[in-house]
Amino acid sequence: MAYLARIEPGDEKALSAPAPTGSKGQEPRFSDLEWSVIRLARLDRLWTLRTPTRLSRFFRRLVGRNPNPALANPRLETLRRIAVLSWHFGFTVPGDDISEFLRAGFSLEQYELLVSTVRGMAAKRSTFSKAGLA
């Protein structure tokens, strides 16, 4: 379980280091931390991508819910955003979001890997839910 792994104080460099990109002869891949962000993005709604307005922040504070789904690491936050969009829309993600994903240090091969994996997982989940197994 990657999310239970202890992060030592000296590991900040490991969190901000770019993942290996798909160069010649190598497959694109993500680190375990990045895969956990992608899997957890399945639970996020689209409203988590918008910056909250003053009124929405006031209402959430009034009812006692004040979530902040954004991640502290900007690179992982970019990955979370593209993963949320991919879980909801597949390959029909706006170009601005893809260019932000590429500026964060990811490659197009990693984007294709992300979306194809997410769509495959979503298809399996919908098959099981239709059969009454989920």
Foldseek 3Di string as FASTA:
>chain_A
DVVPDDDDPVCPCVVLDADDADDPPRAGDDDPVLVVLLVVLLPDDPVLVDDDDPVVCVVCVVVVHHDNPADPHPLSSLSSNLSNCLLVPQPPDDPVSVVVNVVSPYDVSVSVVSRVVSVVVVVVVVVCVVVVND
